[in-house]
Amino acid sequence: MAKVVCFGELLLRLTAPGRELLLQNGRLDVHAGGAEANVAVGLASLGHETAMVSRVPGNALGEAAVGYLRRYGVDVGGVALGDGRMGLYFLSVGAGLRPSTIVYDREYSSFALAAKDDFDWDQLFEGADWLHLSGITPALGSRSAEAALAAADAARSRGVKVSFDGNYRAQLWQRWDSDPKTILSELVARAEILFGNHRDISLLLGREFGGDGEERRRDAAIAAFEAFPGVQFIASTARHVDDSDRHRISARIDTRGSASQTEEIAVAGIVDRIGAGDAFAAGVLHGLLSGQDHERTVRFGLALACLKHSLPGDASLFTQGDIDAFLGGELDVRR
């Protein structure tokens, strides 16, 4: 199995219980998470060796978040203690025709205050085969953007391949004097795998793509391959929201010469959709790392994305057996 290093902010999610509005009754449920941490946990649950690189405060909140990763088999030797506070975000889960809403509280977190030179890349990438990054890290501020670029450069100089999930978060980018198009393009240029759809590619290239469905996604992928010579795979999902309880999801992988597109699957009775994109990324990486063909790889990603909707919290905790059962249509009690 390959070793995957994930670099990003480890933070806490505070969720209004049930489907209440935030602080409607003064209660919050807490989960640890973060885009890159979710991928690390998802891959570890599938048997891969993963390591997290981050910064947290040296208090009970930071210790709890690190303990969460350790519980699921993620190497936390690269999670250091630093000044600042714990990054937080607040979630009110949608219901019916009311969408979910998120409030970020991440300024001056230990991770956001860390500089690129605070990380010993020689040690952190020892034995590593892959680095996973997301667009959330550079959105946190100039220091985090520099650190993400430094991580990608350090990985490439050591022969470590890079996967990058666009994860565009407008609320975070708008909080500082940022240039998301330029910064995200620099990170994609260093990646071999891009997780992103036609909208992400439109942001990177500054152009819109016409057509509909598969044609538009393929045109966007071809344009991205032309703009970023190092990118070899583009993996994406398409989501149609009927209401907060029922979504329809499909997935695809584009290469320079071909594409593999899944059918659309209806996901009903949604428990928690947060982290579904990270679950998809973990499933695709799992397929590629375990030598699956592209069609099976994208189905692994779609399976984990759909299954994640059934699980509270940020990360996918499913195994290969769960993927196989999903793909085989096994919905009865497994005894």
Foldseek 3Di string as FASTA:
>chain_A
DAEEEEEAAWAKEWEDPDQDDVCPPDHTDIFIDDLRLQLQLLLLLAPHAYEYAFEAAPDPRVVVSLVVSVVSPYHDPRYYYFDFHGWYKYWRPDDFAGHIDMDTDGPRGRRLPDALVVGDLVVSCVRHAEYEYELVQPLQDPRSLRNLLSNLVSCVVVNHAYEYEHPDDVVSNVVDPDDSLVSVLSNLLSHQEYEDFLVSLCSNVVDHFDDDDPVRRVVSVLVVCVSRVNHFKYKYKDWDDPTSFKIWMWIKMDGNVDMATDDIDIQGRFDDQAQLSSQLVSQLVVCVVVPHDRNVSNLSSVQRSSVVRNDPHHHGSDYVVSSVCVVVVPDDDDD
